[in-house]
Protein backbone atom coordinates (compact mmCIF):
# COMPACT_ATOMS: atom_id res chain seq x y z
CA MET A 1 77.15 122.56 105.65
CA ARG A 2 80.87 122.22 105.20
CA ALA A 3 81.88 119.53 102.73
CA ASP A 4 84.87 118.49 104.83
CA ILE A 5 82.55 117.15 107.57
CA PHE A 6 80.51 115.09 105.12
CA THR A 7 81.93 111.59 104.84
CA PRO A 8 79.75 109.21 102.86
CA SER A 9 78.89 105.85 104.36
CA PRO A 10 79.48 102.74 102.27
CA GLU A 11 75.80 102.77 101.30
CA GLU A 12 76.14 106.34 100.05
CA GLU A 13 79.21 105.67 97.90
CA THR A 14 77.09 104.66 94.90
CA LEU A 15 75.04 107.85 95.15
CA VAL A 16 78.24 109.90 95.47
CA ALA A 17 79.69 108.26 92.36
CA LYS A 18 76.48 108.78 90.38
CA ILE A 19 76.16 112.44 91.32
CA CYS A 20 79.84 113.17 90.68
CA THR A 21 79.54 111.49 87.28
CA PHE A 22 76.38 113.49 86.51
CA ILE A 23 78.15 116.74 87.43
CA ALA A 24 81.24 115.88 85.37
CA GLN A 25 79.13 115.04 82.33
CA HIS A 26 76.96 118.14 82.71
CA LEU A 27 79.97 120.43 83.06
CA ARG A 28 81.99 118.50 80.48
CA VAL A 29 84.93 118.10 82.81
CA ASP A 30 87.07 115.15 83.82
CA LEU A 31 85.47 113.05 86.55
CA ASP A 32 88.75 113.17 88.47
CA SER A 33 88.24 116.92 88.93
CA ILE A 34 85.02 116.33 90.92
CA SER A 35 85.05 115.33 94.58
CA ILE A 36 82.86 115.93 97.62
CA ASP A 37 85.28 118.72 98.52
CA SER A 38 84.89 120.55 95.17
CA HIS A 39 83.56 124.07 95.65
CA PHE A 40 81.07 125.01 92.93
CA ARG A 41 82.38 128.56 92.52
CA ASP A 42 86.07 128.29 93.40
CA ASP A 43 86.86 124.87 91.93
CA LEU A 44 84.25 124.41 89.20
CA GLY A 45 83.67 128.02 88.13
CA LEU A 46 79.91 128.04 88.67
CA ASP A 47 78.08 131.14 89.81
CA LEU A 48 75.07 131.02 92.13
CA LEU A 49 72.54 130.68 89.30
CA ASP A 50 74.52 127.86 87.67
CA THR A 51 74.70 126.07 91.02
CA VAL A 52 70.94 126.39 91.56
CA GLU A 53 70.22 125.13 88.04
CA LEU A 54 72.55 122.15 88.53
CA THR A 55 70.90 121.42 91.89
CA ILE A 56 67.47 121.37 90.24
CA LEU A 57 68.67 119.04 87.48
CA ILE A 58 70.14 116.66 90.02
CA GLU A 59 67.01 116.79 92.17
CA LYS A 60 64.91 115.82 89.15
CA GLU A 61 67.32 112.98 88.30
CA PHE A 62 67.85 111.53 91.77
CA VAL A 63 64.77 112.60 93.79
CA ASN A 64 62.32 112.78 90.86
CA ARG A 65 61.10 116.22 91.91
CA GLU A 66 62.32 119.67 92.82
CA VAL A 67 62.73 120.17 96.53
CA ALA A 68 61.12 123.34 97.88
CA ASP A 69 64.00 124.17 100.21
CA ALA A 70 66.68 124.08 97.53
CA SER A 71 67.63 127.59 98.54
CA GLU A 72 69.69 126.20 101.41
CA GLU A 73 73.39 126.88 101.19
CA ILE A 74 74.96 124.52 98.70
CA GLU A 75 78.57 125.48 98.10
CA PHE A 76 80.35 122.14 97.81
CA VAL A 77 79.58 118.94 95.93
CA GLY A 78 79.32 117.26 99.34
CA ASP A 79 76.62 119.73 100.36
CA LEU A 80 74.61 118.82 97.26
CA ILE A 81 75.02 115.09 97.88
CA HIS A 82 73.87 115.54 101.48
CA HIS A 83 70.89 117.62 100.26
CA ILE A 84 69.87 114.92 97.75
CA GLU A 85 70.25 112.11 100.26
CA ALA A 86 68.12 113.98 102.81
CA HIS A 87 65.28 114.28 100.28
CA GLN A 88 65.30 110.80 98.77
CA PRO A 89 62.15 108.82 99.44
CA GLY A 90 62.16 106.01 101.97
């Protein structure tokens, strides 16, 4: 999924803010440097393993479990937010 086609709805804005804040705190970077268009490798300096580990941490925080299909392509923060939203209960 390309992050530039993911536009959060008003209901999703809170989730976006929470996940961006979580990422900024985990990476110890300024929140202003995180957006749905941030690329994990190019913008945030994460390799594939770091991205997978961050995805698992966020799944545990926001979905309360690891999602079996976490191997899907997650390159942008927007991809991760979409992934989390798709796996939230109810």
